[in-house]
Protein backbone atom coordinates (compact mmCIF):
# COMPACT_ATOMS: atom_id res chain seq x y z
CA MET A 1 105.94 -0.10 -43.83
CA ARG A 2 103.18 1.10 -43.27
CA LEU A 3 103.87 2.28 -39.44
CA THR A 4 106.99 4.80 -40.82
CA LEU A 5 105.37 6.31 -43.67
CA LYS A 6 102.62 6.99 -41.06
CA ARG A 7 104.95 8.00 -38.78
CA VAL A 8 106.68 10.17 -41.90
CA TYR A 9 103.22 11.52 -42.80
CA GLN A 10 102.48 12.65 -39.22
CA ALA A 11 106.13 13.76 -38.51
CA SER A 12 105.63 16.05 -41.70
CA LEU A 13 102.12 17.21 -41.25
CA ILE A 14 103.31 18.94 -37.29
CA SER A 15 106.42 20.33 -39.40
CA GLY A 16 104.18 22.14 -41.66
CA LEU A 17 102.30 23.04 -38.94
CA PHE A 18 104.80 24.32 -36.72
CA LEU A 19 106.27 26.00 -39.44
CA SER A 20 102.93 27.88 -41.25
CA GLY A 21 102.21 29.36 -37.63
CA SER A 22 105.47 30.22 -37.02
CA LEU A 23 105.31 32.11 -39.62
CA VAL A 24 101.49 33.35 -39.11
CA VAL A 25 103.48 34.68 -35.60
CA VAL A 26 106.21 36.11 -37.30
CA GLY A 27 103.99 38.08 -39.87
CA PHE A 28 101.40 38.79 -37.39
CA LEU A 29 104.58 40.54 -35.42
CA ILE A 30 106.44 42.36 -38.11
CA LEU A 31 102.59 43.55 -38.73
CA LYS A 32 102.17 45.10 -35.45
CA MET A 33 106.10 46.49 -35.25
CA MET A 34 106.63 47.67 -38.85
CA GLY A 35 102.46 47.94 -40.54
CA ILE A 36 101.89 46.96 -43.99
CA THR A 37 105.02 48.00 -45.10
CA GLY A 38 106.96 45.66 -43.72
CA ALA A 39 104.27 43.14 -44.15
CA LEU A 40 105.09 42.85 -47.83
CA LEU A 41 108.51 43.64 -47.76
CA LEU A 42 108.77 40.84 -46.20
CA CYS A 43 106.28 38.56 -48.07
CA ALA A 44 108.75 40.19 -51.33
CA LEU A 45 111.86 39.31 -49.93
CA PRO A 46 112.06 36.03 -52.61
CA LEU A 47 111.65 38.88 -55.34
CA ILE A 48 114.31 41.06 -53.87
CA ILE A 49 116.72 38.39 -53.27
CA GLY A 50 116.10 37.12 -56.85
CA VAL A 51 116.33 40.66 -58.50
CA ILE A 52 119.74 41.26 -56.73
CA ARG A 53 121.28 38.05 -58.20
CA ASN A 54 120.40 38.67 -61.20
CA ILE A 55 121.52 42.53 -61.43
CA MET A 56 124.55 41.01 -59.73
CA LYS A 57 124.90 38.93 -62.89
CA TYR A 58 123.48 41.75 -65.25
CA PRO A 59 124.20 45.10 -64.18
CA LYS A 60 122.55 46.98 -66.97
CA ALA A 61 118.96 45.89 -65.25
CA ALA A 62 119.08 47.81 -62.47
CA VAL A 63 119.27 51.15 -64.92
CA TRP A 64 116.63 49.67 -65.97
CA LEU A 65 114.81 49.09 -63.44
CA VAL A 66 116.14 52.67 -61.47
CA LEU A 67 114.40 54.22 -65.05
CA ILE A 68 110.74 52.52 -64.28
CA LEU A 69 110.77 53.13 -60.47
CA SER A 70 111.50 56.29 -61.34
CA PHE A 71 108.25 56.89 -62.94
CA LEU A 72 106.04 54.38 -60.44
CA SER A 73 107.34 55.27 -56.98
CA PRO A 74 105.74 58.54 -56.89
CA GLY A 75 102.07 56.70 -57.28
CA LEU A 76 103.28 53.85 -55.06
CA THR A 77 103.26 56.11 -52.45
CA ARG A 78 99.53 56.87 -52.48
CA TYR A 79 98.69 53.36 -52.34
CA VAL A 80 101.10 51.20 -50.30
CA PRO A 81 103.61 53.93 -47.91
CA GLY A 82 106.89 52.95 -47.64
CA PRO A 83 110.40 54.80 -48.65
CA TRP A 84 110.31 53.76 -52.26
CA GLY A 85 112.41 56.42 -53.50
CA LEU A 86 115.31 54.86 -51.31
CA SER A 87 114.77 51.86 -53.54
CA ILE A 88 116.64 53.98 -56.67
CA ASP A 89 119.58 54.22 -54.24
CA ILE A 90 119.93 50.60 -53.42
CA LEU A 91 120.05 49.16 -57.17
CA LEU A 92 121.91 51.72 -58.32
CA ALA A 93 124.66 50.51 -55.32
CA VAL A 94 124.51 46.91 -56.18
CA CYS A 95 124.84 47.70 -59.89
CA TRP A 96 128.12 49.08 -58.85
CA LEU A 97 128.89 46.81 -56.35
CA SER A 98 128.23 43.91 -59.43
CA ILE A 99 130.68 45.91 -61.68
CA LEU A 100 133.10 46.00 -58.91
CA LEU A 101 132.82 42.51 -57.55
CA ASN A 102 132.02 40.72 -60.58
CA LYS A 103 134.93 39.34 -62.27
CA ARG A 104 133.50 38.26 -65.12
CA ILE A 105 132.41 41.86 -66.52
CA LYS A 106 135.11 43.30 -68.15
CA LEU A 107 135.04 46.98 -68.48
CA LYS A 108 137.10 49.49 -70.00
CA TRP A 109 137.39 52.12 -67.18
CA ARG A 110 138.99 54.87 -69.49
CA HIS A 111 135.50 55.58 -70.97
CA ALA A 112 134.64 57.26 -67.25
CA ARG A 113 137.03 59.71 -68.05
CA ASN A 114 135.44 62.51 -69.86
CA PRO A 115 134.29 65.32 -68.72
CA ILE A 116 130.77 64.62 -68.22
CA VAL A 117 131.29 61.98 -65.61
CA TRP A 118 134.16 64.59 -63.82
CA VAL A 119 131.54 67.63 -63.60
CA SER A 120 129.06 64.87 -61.90
CA LEU A 121 131.80 64.36 -59.44
CA ILE A 122 132.56 67.61 -58.84
CA TRP A 123 128.96 68.30 -58.08
CA MET A 124 128.95 65.78 -55.75
CA ALA A 125 132.44 66.85 -54.15
CA TYR A 126 130.55 69.91 -53.38
CA LEU A 127 127.74 68.64 -52.05
CA ALA A 128 129.81 66.45 -50.02
CA PHE A 129 131.32 69.68 -48.47
CA GLU A 130 128.02 71.31 -47.77
CA MET A 131 127.78 68.29 -45.00
CA VAL A 132 129.55 70.45 -42.22
CA ASN A 133 127.56 73.46 -43.59
CA PRO A 134 127.02 74.72 -39.96
CA ALA A 135 123.25 76.48 -40.79
CA GLY A 136 122.50 72.92 -41.98
CA ASN A 137 119.79 70.22 -40.84
CA GLY A 138 122.76 67.43 -40.07
CA PRO A 139 123.87 64.63 -41.89
CA MET A 140 120.79 62.48 -42.08
CA ALA A 141 118.55 65.74 -43.58
CA TRP A 142 121.70 65.90 -45.79
CA PHE A 143 121.00 62.35 -46.74
CA TYR A 144 118.00 62.35 -47.92
CA ALA A 145 118.06 65.93 -49.75
CA MET A 146 121.31 65.37 -51.99
CA ARG A 147 120.02 62.40 -53.37
CA GLY A 148 118.71 63.69 -55.98
CA ILE A 149 120.63 66.71 -56.32
CA GLY A 150 123.15 65.33 -57.32
CA PHE A 151 124.27 61.88 -55.82
CA TYR A 152 122.01 60.12 -58.64
CA GLN A 153 123.79 61.78 -61.25
CA ALA A 154 127.51 60.81 -59.71
CA LEU A 155 125.94 57.24 -59.66
CA ALA A 156 123.96 57.36 -62.70
CA VAL A 157 126.66 59.08 -65.26
CA PRO A 158 129.59 56.73 -65.24
CA LEU A 159 127.45 53.59 -65.22
CA ILE A 160 126.10 54.95 -69.29
CA PHE A 161 129.49 55.80 -70.16
CA LEU A 162 130.52 52.11 -68.96
CA LEU A 163 127.79 49.98 -70.25
CA PHE A 164 125.31 51.71 -72.25
CA ARG A 165 127.62 52.47 -75.42
CA LYS A 166 125.84 50.69 -77.95
CA GLU A 167 122.98 52.29 -80.09
CA ALA A 168 121.03 49.24 -78.82
CA ASP A 169 121.13 50.35 -75.31
CA PHE A 170 119.88 53.74 -76.32
CA GLN A 171 117.08 51.83 -78.19
CA LYS A 172 115.71 50.29 -75.37
CA PHE A 173 116.28 53.36 -73.28
CA LEU A 174 114.45 55.46 -75.52
CA ASN A 175 111.50 52.64 -75.98
CA LEU A 176 111.37 52.51 -72.16
CA LEU A 177 111.28 56.12 -71.99
CA ILE A 178 108.25 56.54 -74.59
CA LEU A 179 106.00 53.61 -73.04
CA LEU A 180 106.33 54.44 -69.13
CA SER A 181 105.30 58.07 -70.31
CA LEU A 182 102.48 56.56 -72.67
CA ALA A 183 101.04 55.09 -69.39
CA GLY A 184 101.50 58.09 -67.41
CA THR A 185 99.19 59.83 -70.01
CA ILE A 186 96.38 56.80 -70.05
CA TRP A 187 96.44 56.66 -66.52
CA GLY A 188 95.84 60.55 -66.46
CA LEU A 189 93.31 60.51 -69.21
CA LYS A 190 91.59 57.70 -66.93
CA GLN A 191 91.45 60.57 -63.60
CA GLN A 192 90.74 63.16 -66.25
CA VAL A 193 87.03 61.14 -67.46
CA PHE A 194 86.82 58.95 -64.61
CA GLY A 195 87.91 61.35 -61.73
CA VAL A 196 90.59 59.88 -58.96
CA ASP A 197 90.13 56.68 -57.30
CA ALA A 198 90.34 56.26 -53.44
CA ALA A 199 93.80 56.65 -52.65
CA GLU A 200 94.65 59.33 -55.16
CA TYR A 201 91.53 61.14 -53.07
CA ARG A 202 92.92 60.10 -49.84
CA TRP A 203 95.97 62.15 -50.99
CA LEU A 204 94.44 64.87 -52.66
CA TYR A 205 92.08 65.93 -49.19
CA LEU A 206 93.46 64.33 -46.43
CA GLU A 207 97.61 64.83 -46.97
CA ASP A 208 96.34 68.97 -48.61
CA HIS A 209 97.69 68.43 -51.51
CA HIS A 210 93.94 69.34 -53.37
CA GLU A 211 94.66 73.38 -53.52
CA GLU A 212 97.26 73.21 -56.07
CA HIS A 213 94.98 70.58 -58.05
CA ILE A 214 91.84 71.54 -57.57
CA LEU A 215 91.00 74.62 -59.14
CA HIS A 216 88.12 76.21 -59.85
CA GLY A 217 87.07 72.98 -59.45
CA VAL A 218 88.59 71.54 -62.80
CA LEU A 219 91.23 68.62 -61.99
CA ARG A 220 94.58 69.10 -62.64
CA VAL A 221 95.84 66.16 -63.47
CA PHE A 222 98.85 63.94 -61.91
CA SER A 223 98.35 60.50 -62.96
CA PHE A 224 101.03 58.23 -60.83
CA TYR A 225 103.22 61.31 -61.08
CA SER A 226 104.69 63.26 -57.89
CA ASP A 227 101.93 66.77 -58.80
CA ALA A 228 100.47 67.89 -61.90
CA GLY A 229 103.67 70.28 -61.98
CA ALA A 230 106.05 66.96 -62.75
CA PHE A 231 103.89 65.02 -64.89
CA GLY A 232 102.86 68.46 -66.92
CA ALA A 233 106.96 68.63 -67.73
CA SER A 234 107.61 65.27 -68.24
CA GLN A 235 104.44 65.05 -70.67
CA ALA A 236 106.19 68.64 -72.55
CA MET A 237 109.52 67.16 -72.36
CA MET A 238 108.24 63.69 -74.69
CA SER A 239 105.79 65.92 -76.76
CA LEU A 240 108.72 67.69 -77.90
CA MET A 241 111.13 64.83 -78.05
CA CYS A 242 108.67 62.78 -80.05
CA GLY A 243 107.91 65.73 -82.58
CA ILE A 244 111.84 66.23 -83.70
CA LEU A 245 112.26 62.47 -84.48
CA PHE A 246 108.99 62.80 -86.36
CA THR A 247 111.10 64.85 -88.70
CA GLY A 248 113.97 61.71 -88.93
CA PRO A 249 114.75 59.68 -91.49
CA PHE A 250 112.86 56.74 -89.74
CA SER A 251 110.15 54.58 -91.59
CA GLY A 252 106.95 55.95 -92.55
CA LYS A 253 105.53 53.22 -89.84
CA LYS A 254 108.28 54.56 -87.34
CA LYS A 255 107.17 58.38 -88.27
CA LEU A 256 103.77 57.95 -87.73
CA PHE A 257 104.42 56.71 -83.99
CA TYR A 258 106.77 59.02 -83.43
CA LEU A 259 103.93 61.29 -84.33
CA SER A 260 101.17 60.32 -82.63
CA CYS A 261 103.14 59.76 -79.24
CA ALA A 262 103.95 63.42 -79.95
CA LEU A 263 99.76 64.18 -80.05
CA ILE A 264 99.71 61.84 -76.60
CA PHE A 265 101.89 63.21 -75.10
CA LEU A 266 101.13 66.87 -75.63
CA ILE A 267 97.04 66.06 -74.48
CA GLY A 268 98.89 64.60 -71.44
CA PHE A 269 100.84 68.08 -71.02
CA ALA A 270 97.47 70.13 -71.27
CA ILE A 271 95.17 68.04 -69.01
CA SER A 272 97.99 68.96 -65.84
CA GLY A 273 97.08 72.68 -66.64
CA THR A 274 100.92 73.42 -66.05
CA ARG A 275 102.30 76.64 -66.65
CA GLY A 276 106.00 76.34 -66.11
CA ALA A 277 106.18 73.24 -68.21
CA LEU A 278 105.24 75.74 -71.68
CA ALA A 279 109.46 76.51 -70.83
CA VAL A 280 109.96 73.02 -72.43
CA PRO A 281 108.77 73.25 -75.72
CA LEU A 282 109.57 77.07 -76.44
CA ALA A 283 113.47 76.54 -74.51
CA GLY A 284 113.84 72.89 -76.18
CA GLY A 285 112.47 74.04 -79.87
CA ILE A 286 114.62 76.90 -80.31
CA ALA A 287 117.56 74.93 -78.84
CA TYR A 288 116.89 72.20 -81.46
CA LEU A 289 115.76 75.52 -84.46
CA ILE A 290 119.73 76.25 -83.61
CA VAL A 291 121.75 73.31 -83.71
CA ILE A 292 119.99 72.47 -87.17
CA ARG A 293 120.80 75.27 -88.67
CA ASN A 294 118.40 74.43 -91.36
CA PHE A 295 117.38 78.72 -91.95
CA ASN A 296 114.05 77.88 -93.14
CA ILE A 297 112.82 75.78 -90.79
CA LEU A 298 114.06 78.39 -87.84
CA ILE A 299 111.59 81.26 -89.60
CA VAL A 300 108.75 78.56 -90.05
CA GLY A 301 109.70 77.16 -86.33
CA ALA A 302 110.34 80.92 -84.93
CA SER A 303 106.59 82.51 -86.07
CA THR A 304 104.90 80.03 -84.52
CA MET A 305 106.47 80.00 -81.53
CA ILE A 306 105.18 84.58 -82.14
CA VAL A 307 102.25 83.55 -82.90
CA VAL A 308 101.16 80.86 -79.92
CA PHE A 309 103.03 83.62 -77.59
CA CYS A 310 100.57 86.42 -79.04
CA ILE A 311 97.39 84.23 -78.71
CA LEU A 312 97.92 83.62 -74.90
CA LYS A 313 99.15 87.21 -74.22
CA TYR A 314 97.30 89.41 -76.44
CA THR A 315 93.98 87.44 -77.04
CA PHE A 316 91.35 86.22 -75.45
CA LEU A 317 91.13 82.64 -77.64
CA PHE A 318 90.16 79.12 -75.96
CA GLN A 319 89.90 81.07 -73.28
CA GLY A 320 87.04 78.59 -72.65
CA VAL A 321 89.33 75.70 -72.02
CA GLU A 322 90.32 75.04 -68.86
CA GLN A 323 94.17 74.16 -69.88
CA VAL A 324 94.83 77.06 -71.87
CA ARG A 325 93.56 79.36 -69.72
CA ARG A 326 95.45 78.53 -67.24
CA MET A 327 98.87 78.68 -69.27
CA ARG A 328 97.96 82.54 -70.09
CA THR A 329 98.22 83.36 -66.69
CA ALA A 330 102.21 82.11 -67.04
CA LEU A 331 102.65 85.40 -69.04
CA ASP A 332 100.94 87.62 -66.80
CA PRO A 333 103.09 89.84 -65.33
CA ASN A 334 100.55 90.91 -62.56
CA ASN A 335 99.78 87.13 -61.65
CA LYS A 336 99.88 86.48 -57.52
CA SER A 337 101.76 83.56 -57.67
CA LEU A 338 104.43 85.53 -59.69
CA SER A 339 104.52 88.00 -56.86
CA VAL A 340 104.54 85.80 -53.86
CA ARG A 341 107.49 84.14 -55.62
CA LEU A 342 109.54 87.04 -56.17
CA ASP A 343 108.58 87.94 -52.70
CA ASN A 344 109.70 84.64 -51.58
CA GLN A 345 113.01 85.27 -53.35
CA LYS A 346 113.50 88.36 -51.22
CA THR A 347 113.11 86.45 -47.91
CA PHE A 348 115.78 84.12 -49.29
CA GLY A 349 117.75 86.85 -50.43
CA ARG A 350 118.07 88.98 -46.39
CA TYR A 351 119.03 85.53 -44.66
CA LEU A 352 121.91 84.51 -47.06
CA ALA A 353 123.12 87.50 -47.51
CA ASN A 354 125.81 86.66 -45.13
CA LYS A 355 126.33 82.66 -46.06
CA PRO A 356 127.90 82.05 -49.62
CA PHE A 357 127.70 78.47 -48.47
CA GLY A 358 123.75 78.38 -48.19
CA GLY A 359 121.62 77.33 -45.38
CA GLY A 360 122.95 73.62 -46.27
CA VAL A 361 121.37 70.59 -48.26
CA GLY A 362 118.02 69.64 -46.66
CA THR A 363 117.09 72.69 -44.92
CA ALA A 364 114.49 73.98 -47.56
CA GLY A 365 111.70 72.00 -49.11
CA PHE A 366 110.35 69.05 -48.00
CA TRP A 367 113.42 67.72 -46.03
CA GLY A 368 113.49 71.01 -44.30
CA ALA A 369 109.64 70.66 -43.06
CA ARG A 370 110.31 67.36 -42.05
CA PHE A 371 113.46 68.11 -40.09
CA ASN A 372 113.64 71.90 -38.94
CA PRO A 373 109.85 72.57 -39.41
CA GLU A 374 110.07 75.75 -37.55
CA SER A 375 112.67 77.25 -39.72
CA LEU A 376 112.89 80.04 -42.04
CA MET A 377 113.87 77.68 -44.65
CA ALA A 378 111.54 75.48 -44.03
CA ASN A 379 108.39 78.27 -44.19
CA THR A 380 109.59 79.82 -47.38
CA ALA A 381 108.49 78.15 -50.70
CA THR A 382 112.01 77.71 -53.37
CA ASP A 383 109.43 77.23 -56.31
CA SER A 384 112.09 76.82 -58.69
CA TRP A 385 114.92 74.11 -59.11
CA TYR A 386 117.51 77.38 -59.07
CA VAL A 387 116.46 78.94 -55.91
CA LYS A 388 116.22 75.67 -54.67
CA ILE A 389 119.89 75.32 -55.17
CA TRP A 390 121.07 79.16 -54.41
CA ALA A 391 119.09 78.59 -50.72
CA GLU A 392 120.58 75.50 -49.65
CA THR A 393 124.26 75.46 -51.29
CA GLY A 394 124.68 79.36 -51.72
CA VAL A 395 125.36 81.83 -54.41
CA VAL A 396 128.74 79.76 -54.68
CA GLY A 397 126.73 76.26 -55.10
CA LEU A 398 124.60 78.17 -57.67
CA SER A 399 127.09 79.85 -59.33
CA LEU A 400 129.49 76.25 -59.83
CA HIS A 401 125.77 74.40 -60.50
CA LEU A 402 124.93 76.70 -63.87
CA ALA A 403 128.31 76.49 -64.88
CA ILE A 404 128.21 72.56 -64.94
CA LEU A 405 124.68 73.38 -66.99
CA GLY A 406 126.29 75.64 -69.24
CA PHE A 407 128.79 73.14 -70.29
CA ILE A 408 126.41 70.76 -70.60
CA LEU A 409 124.25 72.79 -72.68
CA GLY A 410 127.45 74.23 -74.97
CA LYS A 411 128.72 70.71 -75.48
CA GLY A 412 125.70 69.22 -76.03
CA GLY A 413 125.23 71.72 -79.14
CA LYS A 414 128.65 71.21 -80.39
CA THR A 415 127.83 67.45 -80.24
CA CYS A 416 124.67 67.99 -82.53
CA MET A 417 126.31 70.18 -84.83
CA LEU A 418 128.92 68.24 -85.71
CA LEU A 419 127.19 64.99 -86.64
CA GLN A 420 127.11 64.13 -89.93
CA ASP A 421 124.61 60.71 -89.67
CA PRO A 422 121.01 62.00 -90.18
CA LYS A 423 119.49 59.69 -88.18
CA ARG A 424 122.70 60.04 -84.90
CA LYS A 425 122.28 63.90 -85.05
CA THR A 426 118.08 63.01 -85.23
CA TYR A 427 118.18 61.31 -82.22
CA ALA A 428 121.14 64.01 -80.37
CA CYS A 429 118.87 66.93 -81.09
CA ALA A 430 115.96 65.16 -79.67
CA LEU A 431 118.03 64.49 -76.64
CA PHE A 432 119.52 68.00 -76.77
CA ALA A 433 116.21 69.38 -77.38
CA ALA A 434 114.56 67.89 -74.33
CA ILE A 435 117.62 68.53 -72.47
CA THR A 436 117.45 72.32 -72.89
CA GLY A 437 114.06 72.79 -72.49
CA VAL A 438 113.82 70.95 -68.62
CA ILE A 439 116.88 73.07 -67.79
CA PHE A 440 115.31 76.21 -68.26
CA ALA A 441 111.45 74.86 -67.26
CA SER A 442 113.45 74.11 -63.99
CA TYR A 443 113.39 78.12 -63.53
CA GLY A 444 109.54 77.87 -62.92
CA ASN A 445 109.69 74.99 -61.20
CA GLN A 446 111.81 72.19 -59.31
CA VAL A 447 111.72 70.16 -62.90
CA PHE A 448 115.11 69.20 -62.71
CA GLY A 449 115.41 67.26 -59.32
CA GLN A 450 111.89 65.74 -59.76
CA MET A 451 110.91 61.90 -60.24
CA PRO A 452 110.78 60.37 -63.42
CA THR A 453 112.62 63.80 -64.63
CA GLY A 454 115.59 64.17 -62.38
CA ILE A 455 116.47 60.75 -63.54
CA ILE A 456 115.82 60.81 -67.41
CA MET A 457 118.27 63.97 -67.12
CA ASN A 458 120.88 61.94 -65.17
CA LEU A 459 120.26 59.21 -68.09
CA ALA A 460 120.05 61.45 -71.08
CA ILE A 461 122.85 63.47 -70.51
CA PRO A 462 125.72 60.72 -70.85
CA PHE A 463 123.70 58.90 -73.51
CA LEU A 464 123.39 62.14 -75.69
CA PHE A 465 127.90 62.46 -75.64
CA LEU A 466 127.59 58.46 -76.49
CA ILE A 467 125.71 58.40 -80.00
CA PRO A 468 128.71 60.31 -81.55
CA ARG A 469 130.93 56.83 -80.40
CA TRP A 470 128.40 54.15 -81.43
CA ARG A 471 129.51 50.62 -82.03
């Protein structure tokens, strides 16, 4: 008996040593072939499998993970380089597989037959047509670029209408959105007070992002977002939303929470030094005042906006504050940045004169520089979201895109005006103001397609139109 146990012990020890050695060898080979990213991916494989299994049972979890990753993935790339953005594609795809293959999930597909889903699919169909644009950079460039332009929207919008029809779903979305945005503010304040860490320093200086983020020796805070512009626009949007929620028919404790969040997000917006994000509270605030149809508040709000505009445009008040000084330059018609942008638009105009369908999706900006770095499209900055859409999809694509956004704004405004319940109306107005602000701010920057704002819009738009249908 003892001999048998001894042999079993020896065999187990040898097997364990062999397995451990094999894992070390495999890990070493993966590290050599795929780098640290591949090794970490191998380590995370059990977790990935577990997440996929859970999503197959509970598809809603995929959407919440998509929202979380839309915030965290830009920052993660500074610490662990890798295609973190593709995780959003995978999650959405697994979510769709779950609802299609899991027979226990009973859906009413008629909920997906509505105008917002149709316009999302129409826009995606146009982008699919762009794949055969002879001026493009090929299918690989098209694949990477079209994801943020329309693919995520085409996948996410129907999911919200199918799976998230209850008020509790919206509350989870709102709470998670506020929590993640607060985390972004805290991380940004850490950068403002204590400076950037080693990974962020490398991103700033070794990857040549310091020229746009270090102005006159002052850091434009970017938190864990892709850049300061994305951080500022997102924080401005959240400040506007929470400010409107503060006016709603909620308990004193909840109103205090929303007011505190609005002020915290306003600080985040200020330390980002983002001028273009001024359009978010301005356009969104005006949209809110219009849909609530309260004449007294409309006068007070409009007067406040005029006073702020006059202070920035015609005075030097608070000129000693770097963030205010930078915002003031956004209203200067002689600003060099504005002149460069106008010159770039003229360049695109000449190039696109005989291209009604544009230069092709994936030919401008980051993906253009990656797949065809010597081209005119890649070497001419788009800056604006709408200039990007125009450059890549042409005047036809831009007209269709603007028509869709106009339809969303018109239908969203009507939805807000028709709501009678004060609580639902407040939620709807907050979402509508945020969507409007982002759409208008996208004229100056590519806000509508940036992470996390792009994903937030793809979720917020359907949530807005579900509010009157809450069960």
